[in-house]
Each structure stands twice: as C-alpha cells, then as structure tokens.
Amino acid sequence: MTRLSTTAVLALAGMALSANAQELTWQKDIAPMIKAECGECHGADAPEYNDWLVLREKDKKLGSRMDTYPHFMTYVAWPATGAMQRRLDDGKSPAAGGKPGNMYKYLGGNDAERQKNLQIIKTWLGEGAWNLNRLKARDNVPGVTKEQLEAIKAKY
C-alpha cells in the first residue's frame, strides 16, 4: 500500500468512527433529555397511553408516560401518530401555521436551549421524519404517508 493510500484509508476510518460517535440514540441522548425536561409530568408514574385516554377525561392536565422508548414512540409513530411532533414543534413547520406546540415551552429554560433540544430530537428521528400528520387525515392536513413513517430512524 502506498503512503497516500494508507493515509486515505486512515482518514476514512477516522471519519466513520467520528460519525458513529456522534450518532444520536435514545439511551445516550434522548432519554436523559426527556427525563430532565419532561419527566415531572411524563415519567414512570404517569399513566400509559390507553389508561391516559380514559383518565384525561377527568383531568385535562394529566400527562401520559413517555419516559421509555416504546412509550415515547407511541406519540411519534403509532397509535398517536405525529402527536410528539405536533406538541414539541416550534411553530416553524409549514403545517404549524406559526403556532408552537403546547409542549415546546418545556423543552428548555430559554429559547436557545429549546431550539437545541428540538434539533436533537429532529436529528434523532431522521431526515424527513418530522411531520405533524396524524394517522388519518384531519381538517386540511393529510394522513401520514408510508414514506413519512419509513423516514423515522430513531435508534435505541
């Protein structure tokens, strides 16, 4: 192998290791953020999705459980498709109409922190996975597409 080839191989290997080290995961990046920013209302003591659907009729301020990967993904993919995105959106998504989601304000102590945390979640979900669509069309918003669901990469 020539000196140039060896250098190129080492450079590519270094880039691959760097990319893997920066890969966002639920365990390393998202779960700690959710615990810190959302855990008070959406932690292990909060009701699971189906229980929450019943209990929220009596308590509109009741939060549902979102502290584990499966609980969180309930509000991303199914059955509450897009609910996480709608609640956390900063209002800049075209479908949001300039209005932030009702939980955006809890993503951090100031707007810079909220924007940083929102970007981490968006990046973790994957390119094209941030959409406000529900499972089925509602009003003038179409239902989620197969392509939008397949864009979700959210590594554990």
N, C-alpha and C. Protein backbone atom coordinates (compact mmCIF):
# COMPACT_ATOMS: atom_id res chain seq x y z
N MET A 1 0.84 -1.18 0.00
CA MET A 1 0.00 0.00 0.00
C MET A 1 0.89 1.24 0.00
N THR A 2 0.55 2.19 -0.80
CA THR A 2 1.35 3.41 -0.84
C THR A 2 1.03 4.28 0.36
N ARG A 3 1.90 5.21 0.58
CA ARG A 3 1.71 6.14 1.70
C ARG A 3 0.40 6.90 1.57
N LEU A 4 0.06 7.34 0.35
CA LEU A 4 -1.18 8.08 0.10
C LEU A 4 -2.40 7.19 0.37
N SER A 5 -2.36 5.94 -0.07
CA SER A 5 -3.48 5.02 0.14
C SER A 5 -3.68 4.76 1.62
N THR A 6 -2.60 4.57 2.36
CA THR A 6 -2.69 4.34 3.80
C THR A 6 -3.30 5.55 4.49
N THR A 7 -2.88 6.73 4.09
CA THR A 7 -3.42 7.96 4.67
C THR A 7 -4.91 8.09 4.37
N ALA A 8 -5.30 7.77 3.14
CA ALA A 8 -6.71 7.86 2.76
C ALA A 8 -7.56 6.87 3.56
N VAL A 9 -7.06 5.64 3.72
CA VAL A 9 -7.79 4.62 4.48
C VAL A 9 -7.94 5.06 5.93
N LEU A 10 -6.87 5.58 6.52
CA LEU A 10 -6.93 6.04 7.91
C LEU A 10 -7.89 7.22 8.06
N ALA A 11 -7.90 8.13 7.10
CA ALA A 11 -8.80 9.27 7.15
C ALA A 11 -10.26 8.81 7.08
N LEU A 12 -10.55 7.89 6.16
CA LEU A 12 -11.92 7.38 6.05
C LEU A 12 -12.34 6.63 7.31
N ALA A 13 -11.45 5.85 7.87
CA ALA A 13 -11.75 5.13 9.11
C ALA A 13 -12.03 6.11 10.24
N GLY A 14 -11.24 7.16 10.31
CA GLY A 14 -11.44 8.18 11.33
C GLY A 14 -12.79 8.88 11.18
N MET A 15 -13.19 9.16 9.94
CA MET A 15 -14.49 9.80 9.70
C MET A 15 -15.62 8.85 10.10
N ALA A 16 -15.48 7.58 9.81
CA ALA A 16 -16.51 6.60 10.16
C ALA A 16 -16.65 6.50 11.68
N LEU A 17 -15.54 6.45 12.39
CA LEU A 17 -15.58 6.39 13.85
C LEU A 17 -16.20 7.64 14.42
N SER A 18 -15.85 8.79 13.84
CA SER A 18 -16.39 10.06 14.30
C SER A 18 -17.90 10.10 14.09
N ALA A 19 -18.37 9.63 12.94
CA ALA A 19 -19.82 9.62 12.65
C ALA A 19 -20.54 8.71 13.63
N ASN A 20 -19.98 7.53 13.92
CA ASN A 20 -20.61 6.62 14.87
C ASN A 20 -20.63 7.20 16.27
N ALA A 21 -19.58 7.91 16.65
CA ALA A 21 -19.52 8.51 17.98
C ALA A 21 -20.56 9.61 18.13
N GLN A 22 -20.93 10.24 17.02
CA GLN A 22 -21.89 11.34 17.07
C GLN A 22 -23.33 10.88 16.81
N GLU A 23 -23.53 9.61 16.53
CA GLU A 23 -24.87 9.10 16.25
C GLU A 23 -25.75 9.26 17.49
N LEU A 24 -26.91 9.81 17.29
CA LEU A 24 -27.83 10.03 18.41
C LEU A 24 -28.61 8.75 18.69
N THR A 25 -28.79 8.45 19.97
CA THR A 25 -29.57 7.28 20.37
C THR A 25 -30.53 7.66 21.50
N TRP A 26 -31.54 6.84 21.67
CA TRP A 26 -32.50 7.05 22.76
C TRP A 26 -31.76 7.02 24.10
N GLN A 27 -30.98 5.98 24.33
CA GLN A 27 -30.32 5.80 25.62
C GLN A 27 -29.35 6.92 25.97
N LYS A 28 -28.56 7.33 25.00
CA LYS A 28 -27.49 8.29 25.27
C LYS A 28 -27.97 9.75 25.22
N ASP A 29 -28.86 10.07 24.29
CA ASP A 29 -29.18 11.47 24.05
C ASP A 29 -30.61 11.88 24.38
N ILE A 30 -31.58 11.05 24.04
CA ILE A 30 -32.97 11.46 24.16
C ILE A 30 -33.54 11.18 25.55
N ALA A 31 -33.35 9.97 26.07
CA ALA A 31 -33.90 9.62 27.39
C ALA A 31 -33.46 10.59 28.49
N PRO A 32 -32.16 10.96 28.56
CA PRO A 32 -31.77 11.92 29.60
C PRO A 32 -32.47 13.28 29.43
N MET A 33 -32.65 13.71 28.19
CA MET A 33 -33.33 14.98 27.94
C MET A 33 -34.80 14.89 28.37
N ILE A 34 -35.46 13.81 28.00
CA ILE A 34 -36.87 13.64 28.35
C ILE A 34 -37.03 13.58 29.87
N LYS A 35 -36.13 12.88 30.53
CA LYS A 35 -36.19 12.81 31.99
C LYS A 35 -36.03 14.20 32.61
N ALA A 36 -35.06 14.96 32.12
CA ALA A 36 -34.78 16.28 32.68
C ALA A 36 -35.87 17.30 32.37
N GLU A 37 -36.35 17.30 31.15
CA GLU A 37 -37.27 18.36 30.71
C GLU A 37 -38.74 17.97 30.85
N CYS A 38 -39.05 16.68 30.80
CA CYS A 38 -40.45 16.24 30.71
C CYS A 38 -40.86 15.26 31.80
N GLY A 39 -39.87 14.74 32.54
CA GLY A 39 -40.11 13.66 33.48
C GLY A 39 -41.08 13.95 34.60
N GLU A 40 -41.19 15.20 34.99
CA GLU A 40 -42.09 15.54 36.09
C GLU A 40 -43.54 15.16 35.76
N CYS A 41 -43.95 15.37 34.53
CA CYS A 41 -45.34 15.07 34.12
C CYS A 41 -45.45 13.79 33.30
N HIS A 42 -44.36 13.38 32.66
CA HIS A 42 -44.40 12.26 31.73
C HIS A 42 -43.48 11.12 32.12
N GLY A 43 -43.20 10.98 33.41
CA GLY A 43 -42.29 9.95 33.90
C GLY A 43 -42.99 8.63 34.19
N ALA A 44 -42.32 7.77 34.93
CA ALA A 44 -42.79 6.41 35.20
C ALA A 44 -44.11 6.37 35.97
N ASP A 45 -44.44 7.43 36.70
CA ASP A 45 -45.69 7.46 37.46
C ASP A 45 -46.88 7.89 36.61
N ALA A 46 -46.64 8.40 35.43
CA ALA A 46 -47.72 8.84 34.55
C ALA A 46 -48.40 7.63 33.92
N PRO A 47 -49.69 7.74 33.61
CA PRO A 47 -50.39 6.60 33.01
C PRO A 47 -49.92 6.29 31.60
N GLU A 48 -50.01 5.03 31.24
CA GLU A 48 -49.69 4.61 29.88
C GLU A 48 -50.78 5.11 28.94
N TYR A 49 -50.49 5.08 27.66
CA TYR A 49 -51.35 5.67 26.63
C TYR A 49 -52.83 5.33 26.79
N ASN A 50 -53.19 4.05 26.82
CA ASN A 50 -54.61 3.68 26.88
C ASN A 50 -55.27 4.11 28.18
N ASP A 51 -54.56 4.00 29.30
CA ASP A 51 -55.10 4.50 30.57
C ASP A 51 -55.26 6.01 30.52
N TRP A 52 -54.29 6.68 29.95
CA TRP A 52 -54.33 8.14 29.85
C TRP A 52 -55.53 8.60 29.03
N LEU A 53 -55.86 7.87 27.95
CA LEU A 53 -57.02 8.24 27.13
C LEU A 53 -58.30 8.29 27.97
N VAL A 54 -58.42 7.38 28.92
CA VAL A 54 -59.60 7.34 29.79
C VAL A 54 -59.49 8.40 30.88
N LEU A 55 -58.34 8.45 31.55
CA LEU A 55 -58.17 9.33 32.70
C LEU A 55 -58.16 10.82 32.35
N ARG A 56 -57.75 11.17 31.15
CA ARG A 56 -57.68 12.60 30.79
C ARG A 56 -59.05 13.24 30.69
N GLU A 57 -60.10 12.43 30.58
CA GLU A 57 -61.46 12.97 30.56
C GLU A 57 -61.77 13.68 31.87
N LYS A 58 -61.20 13.17 32.98
CA LYS A 58 -61.42 13.77 34.29
C LYS A 58 -60.36 14.80 34.65
N ASP A 59 -59.16 14.64 34.09
CA ASP A 59 -58.04 15.53 34.43
C ASP A 59 -57.33 15.97 33.15
N LYS A 60 -57.71 17.11 32.63
CA LYS A 60 -57.16 17.62 31.36
C LYS A 60 -55.67 17.95 31.46
N LYS A 61 -55.16 18.13 32.67
CA LYS A 61 -53.74 18.47 32.84
C LYS A 61 -52.86 17.23 33.04
N LEU A 62 -53.46 16.07 33.04
CA LEU A 62 -52.73 14.82 33.25
C LEU A 62 -51.81 14.53 32.06
N GLY A 63 -50.55 14.23 32.36
CA GLY A 63 -49.61 13.84 31.32
C GLY A 63 -49.56 12.34 31.18
N SER A 64 -49.19 11.88 30.01
CA SER A 64 -49.06 10.44 29.78
C SER A 64 -47.58 10.04 29.86
N ARG A 65 -47.34 8.76 30.04
CA ARG A 65 -45.98 8.26 30.21
C ARG A 65 -45.20 8.34 28.88
N MET A 66 -43.99 8.88 28.96
CA MET A 66 -43.13 8.99 27.78
C MET A 66 -41.66 8.79 28.12
N ASP A 67 -41.38 8.14 29.24
CA ASP A 67 -40.01 8.03 29.72
C ASP A 67 -39.24 6.82 29.19
N THR A 68 -39.88 5.97 28.39
CA THR A 68 -39.19 4.85 27.78
C THR A 68 -39.32 4.96 26.27
N TYR A 69 -38.46 4.27 25.56
CA TYR A 69 -38.50 4.30 24.10
C TYR A 69 -39.88 3.90 23.56
N PRO A 70 -40.45 2.75 24.00
CA PRO A 70 -41.78 2.39 23.46
C PRO A 70 -42.86 3.41 23.80
N HIS A 71 -42.83 3.95 25.01
CA HIS A 71 -43.84 4.95 25.38
C HIS A 71 -43.69 6.21 24.54
N PHE A 72 -42.47 6.67 24.35
CA PHE A 72 -42.21 7.87 23.55
C PHE A 72 -42.65 7.65 22.10
N MET A 73 -42.28 6.49 21.55
CA MET A 73 -42.58 6.22 20.14
C MET A 73 -44.08 6.05 19.88
N THR A 74 -44.85 5.78 20.93
CA THR A 74 -46.31 5.75 20.79
C THR A 74 -46.81 7.08 20.23
N TYR A 75 -46.15 8.17 20.57
CA TYR A 75 -46.57 9.51 20.18
C TYR A 75 -45.85 10.02 18.93
N VAL A 76 -44.94 9.22 18.41
CA VAL A 76 -44.24 9.54 17.17
C VAL A 76 -44.85 8.77 16.00
N ALA A 77 -44.92 7.44 16.16
CA ALA A 77 -45.29 6.57 15.05
C ALA A 77 -46.72 6.04 15.12
N TRP A 78 -47.08 5.39 16.22
CA TRP A 78 -48.39 4.78 16.32
C TRP A 78 -48.66 4.37 17.75
N PRO A 79 -49.84 4.51 18.28
CA PRO A 79 -51.08 4.89 17.64
C PRO A 79 -51.36 6.39 17.61
N ALA A 80 -50.62 7.16 18.37
CA ALA A 80 -50.83 8.62 18.40
C ALA A 80 -49.91 9.31 17.40
N THR A 81 -49.94 8.86 16.18
CA THR A 81 -49.04 9.30 15.11
C THR A 81 -48.88 10.82 15.07
N GLY A 82 -47.64 11.27 15.13
CA GLY A 82 -47.31 12.69 15.00
C GLY A 82 -47.61 13.56 16.21
N ALA A 83 -48.17 12.99 17.27
CA ALA A 83 -48.51 13.79 18.44
C ALA A 83 -47.27 14.44 19.06
N MET A 84 -46.17 13.69 19.11
CA MET A 84 -44.94 14.25 19.68
C MET A 84 -44.49 15.45 18.87
N GLN A 85 -44.49 15.29 17.56
CA GLN A 85 -44.05 16.37 16.69
C GLN A 85 -44.97 17.59 16.83
N ARG A 86 -46.27 17.37 16.86
CA ARG A 86 -47.21 18.49 16.99
C ARG A 86 -47.03 19.22 18.31
N ARG A 87 -46.79 18.48 19.39
CA ARG A 87 -46.66 19.09 20.71
C ARG A 87 -45.33 19.83 20.90
N LEU A 88 -44.26 19.29 20.29
CA LEU A 88 -42.94 19.88 20.50
C LEU A 88 -42.53 20.87 19.42
N ASP A 89 -43.29 20.96 18.35
CA ASP A 89 -42.91 21.83 17.24
C ASP A 89 -42.78 23.29 17.69
N ASP A 90 -41.82 23.99 17.11
CA ASP A 90 -41.58 25.39 17.47
C ASP A 90 -42.45 26.36 16.67
N GLY A 91 -43.32 25.84 15.83
CA GLY A 91 -44.20 26.69 15.02
C GLY A 91 -43.64 27.01 13.66
N LYS A 92 -42.43 26.55 13.38
CA LYS A 92 -41.78 26.87 12.11
C LYS A 92 -42.08 25.84 11.01
N SER A 93 -42.67 24.72 11.38
CA SER A 93 -43.07 23.74 10.37
C SER A 93 -44.23 24.33 9.57
N PRO A 94 -44.25 24.13 8.26
CA PRO A 94 -45.32 24.72 7.44
C PRO A 94 -46.73 24.40 7.94
N ALA A 95 -46.96 23.18 8.39
CA ALA A 95 -48.30 22.79 8.85
C ALA A 95 -48.67 23.41 10.19
N ALA A 96 -47.70 23.97 10.91
CA ALA A 96 -47.96 24.54 12.24
C ALA A 96 -48.59 25.92 12.16
N GLY A 97 -48.48 26.56 11.03
CA GLY A 97 -49.08 27.88 10.90
C GLY A 97 -48.49 28.93 11.82
N GLY A 98 -47.22 28.77 12.20
CA GLY A 98 -46.55 29.75 13.05
C GLY A 98 -46.84 29.60 14.54
N LYS A 99 -47.63 28.62 14.89
CA LYS A 99 -48.00 28.42 16.29
C LYS A 99 -47.21 27.25 16.89
N PRO A 100 -46.41 27.51 17.93
CA PRO A 100 -45.67 26.42 18.56
C PRO A 100 -46.62 25.42 19.23
N GLY A 101 -46.15 24.17 19.35
CA GLY A 101 -46.92 23.17 20.06
C GLY A 101 -47.01 23.51 21.54
N ASN A 102 -48.01 22.96 22.21
CA ASN A 102 -48.23 23.31 23.61
C ASN A 102 -47.15 22.81 24.57
N MET A 103 -46.26 21.94 24.14
CA MET A 103 -45.19 21.44 25.00
C MET A 103 -43.82 22.00 24.62
N TYR A 104 -43.74 22.78 23.56
CA TYR A 104 -42.46 23.35 23.12
C TYR A 104 -41.80 24.14 24.25
N LYS A 105 -42.59 24.89 24.99
CA LYS A 105 -42.02 25.75 26.05
C LYS A 105 -41.32 24.97 27.15
N TYR A 106 -41.58 23.67 27.24
CA TYR A 106 -40.96 22.84 28.28
C TYR A 106 -39.68 22.16 27.82
N LEU A 107 -39.26 22.39 26.59
CA LEU A 107 -38.05 21.74 26.07
C LEU A 107 -36.76 22.35 26.60
N GLY A 108 -36.86 23.42 27.35
CA GLY A 108 -35.67 24.04 27.92
C GLY A 108 -36.02 25.31 28.65
N GLY A 109 -35.03 25.86 29.33
CA GLY A 109 -35.24 27.05 30.14
C GLY A 109 -35.30 28.35 29.35
N ASN A 110 -34.78 28.34 28.14
CA ASN A 110 -34.83 29.52 27.29
C ASN A 110 -34.95 29.06 25.83
N ASP A 111 -35.16 30.01 24.93
CA ASP A 111 -35.41 29.61 23.55
C ASP A 111 -34.20 28.93 22.91
N ALA A 112 -33.00 29.36 23.25
CA ALA A 112 -31.81 28.73 22.68
C ALA A 112 -31.73 27.25 23.10
N GLU A 113 -32.00 26.98 24.36
CA GLU A 113 -31.98 25.60 24.84
C GLU A 113 -33.11 24.79 24.20
N ARG A 114 -34.29 25.41 24.08
CA ARG A 114 -35.42 24.71 23.43
C ARG A 114 -35.08 24.37 21.99
N GLN A 115 -34.49 25.31 21.25
CA GLN A 115 -34.12 25.07 19.86
C GLN A 115 -33.08 23.96 19.75
N LYS A 116 -32.11 23.97 20.64
CA LYS A 116 -31.06 22.94 20.65
C LYS A 116 -31.68 21.56 20.88
N ASN A 117 -32.53 21.45 21.90
CA ASN A 117 -33.15 20.17 22.22
C ASN A 117 -34.09 19.71 21.11
N LEU A 118 -34.82 20.63 20.52
CA LEU A 118 -35.71 20.29 19.41
C LEU A 118 -34.90 19.74 18.24
N GLN A 119 -33.78 20.38 17.95
CA GLN A 119 -32.94 19.92 16.84
C GLN A 119 -32.36 18.54 17.11
N ILE A 120 -32.01 18.27 18.35
CA ILE A 120 -31.51 16.94 18.71
C ILE A 120 -32.58 15.89 18.45
N ILE A 121 -33.81 16.16 18.87
CA ILE A 121 -34.90 15.20 18.65
C ILE A 121 -35.16 15.02 17.16
N LYS A 122 -35.20 16.13 16.41
CA LYS A 122 -35.44 16.04 14.97
C LYS A 122 -34.35 15.22 14.28
N THR A 123 -33.12 15.46 14.63
CA THR A 123 -32.00 14.73 14.03
C THR A 123 -32.09 13.25 14.39
N TRP A 124 -32.40 12.96 15.64
CA TRP A 124 -32.53 11.57 16.10
C TRP A 124 -33.64 10.85 15.34
N LEU A 125 -34.77 11.51 15.14
CA LEU A 125 -35.87 10.86 14.41
C LEU A 125 -35.47 10.55 12.98
N GLY A 126 -34.73 11.44 12.35
CA GLY A 126 -34.26 11.19 10.99
C GLY A 126 -34.78 12.22 10.00
N GLU A 127 -34.03 12.39 8.94
CA GLU A 127 -34.37 13.31 7.86
C GLU A 127 -35.74 12.95 7.29
N GLY A 128 -36.66 13.90 7.29
CA GLY A 128 -37.99 13.67 6.73
C GLY A 128 -38.97 13.04 7.70
N ALA A 129 -38.54 12.78 8.94
CA ALA A 129 -39.42 12.13 9.91
C ALA A 129 -40.19 13.14 10.76
N TRP A 130 -39.83 14.40 10.70
CA TRP A 130 -40.53 15.41 11.49
C TRP A 130 -41.71 15.91 10.67
N ASN A 131 -42.88 15.44 11.03
CA ASN A 131 -44.10 15.89 10.36
C ASN A 131 -45.22 15.94 11.38
N LEU A 132 -46.24 16.73 11.09
CA LEU A 132 -47.32 16.93 12.05
C LEU A 132 -48.56 16.13 11.69
N ASN A 133 -48.43 15.23 10.74
CA ASN A 133 -49.57 14.45 10.27
C ASN A 133 -50.01 13.42 11.31
N ARG A 134 -51.31 13.20 11.35
CA ARG A 134 -51.88 12.14 12.17
C ARG A 134 -51.97 10.87 11.33
N LEU A 135 -52.43 9.79 11.94
CA LEU A 135 -52.59 8.54 11.21
C LEU A 135 -53.57 8.72 10.05
N LYS A 136 -54.66 9.43 10.31
CA LYS A 136 -55.67 9.69 9.27
C LYS A 136 -55.80 11.19 9.07
N ALA A 137 -56.23 11.57 7.88
CA ALA A 137 -56.41 12.99 7.55
C ALA A 137 -57.35 13.66 8.55
N ARG A 138 -57.05 14.92 8.83
CA ARG A 138 -57.89 15.70 9.74
C ARG A 138 -57.89 17.14 9.25
N ASP A 139 -59.06 17.70 9.09
CA ASP A 139 -59.22 19.04 8.53
C ASP A 139 -58.49 19.10 7.19
N ASN A 140 -57.57 20.04 7.04
CA ASN A 140 -56.85 20.16 5.77
C ASN A 140 -55.47 19.51 5.79
N VAL A 141 -55.19 18.73 6.84
CA VAL A 141 -53.89 18.05 6.95
C VAL A 141 -54.07 16.59 6.54
N PRO A 142 -53.34 16.13 5.54
CA PRO A 142 -53.47 14.73 5.12
C PRO A 142 -52.93 13.78 6.17
N GLY A 143 -53.36 12.53 6.09
CA GLY A 143 -52.83 11.50 6.97
C GLY A 143 -51.37 11.23 6.66
N VAL A 144 -50.68 10.65 7.61
CA VAL A 144 -49.26 10.32 7.43
C VAL A 144 -49.11 9.33 6.28
N THR A 145 -48.01 9.45 5.57
CA THR A 145 -47.75 8.54 4.45
C THR A 145 -46.79 7.44 4.90
N LYS A 146 -46.76 6.39 4.11
CA LYS A 146 -45.83 5.29 4.37
C LYS A 146 -44.39 5.82 4.34
N GLU A 147 -44.10 6.70 3.40
CA GLU A 147 -42.75 7.26 3.27
C GLU A 147 -42.37 8.07 4.51
N GLN A 148 -43.31 8.82 5.07
CA GLN A 148 -43.02 9.60 6.28
C GLN A 148 -42.73 8.67 7.46
N LEU A 149 -43.50 7.60 7.58
CA LEU A 149 -43.24 6.65 8.66
C LEU A 149 -41.92 5.93 8.47
N GLU A 150 -41.60 5.58 7.24
CA GLU A 150 -40.34 4.89 6.96
C GLU A 150 -39.12 5.80 7.18
N ALA A 151 -39.33 7.11 7.21
CA ALA A 151 -38.23 8.05 7.43
C ALA A 151 -37.78 8.06 8.89
N ILE A 152 -38.59 7.51 9.79
CA ILE A 152 -38.25 7.50 11.22
C ILE A 152 -37.09 6.52 11.43
N LYS A 153 -35.97 7.03 11.92
CA LYS A 153 -34.78 6.22 12.14
C LYS A 153 -34.49 6.00 13.62
N ALA A 154 -34.90 6.88 14.48
CA ALA A 154 -34.83 6.83 15.93
C ALA A 154 -34.17 5.60 16.55
N LYS A 155 -32.86 5.60 16.59
CA LYS A 155 -32.11 4.45 17.13
C LYS A 155 -32.25 4.38 18.64
N TYR A 156 -32.33 3.15 19.11
CA TYR A 156 -32.45 2.91 20.54
C TYR A 156 -31.12 3.15 21.22
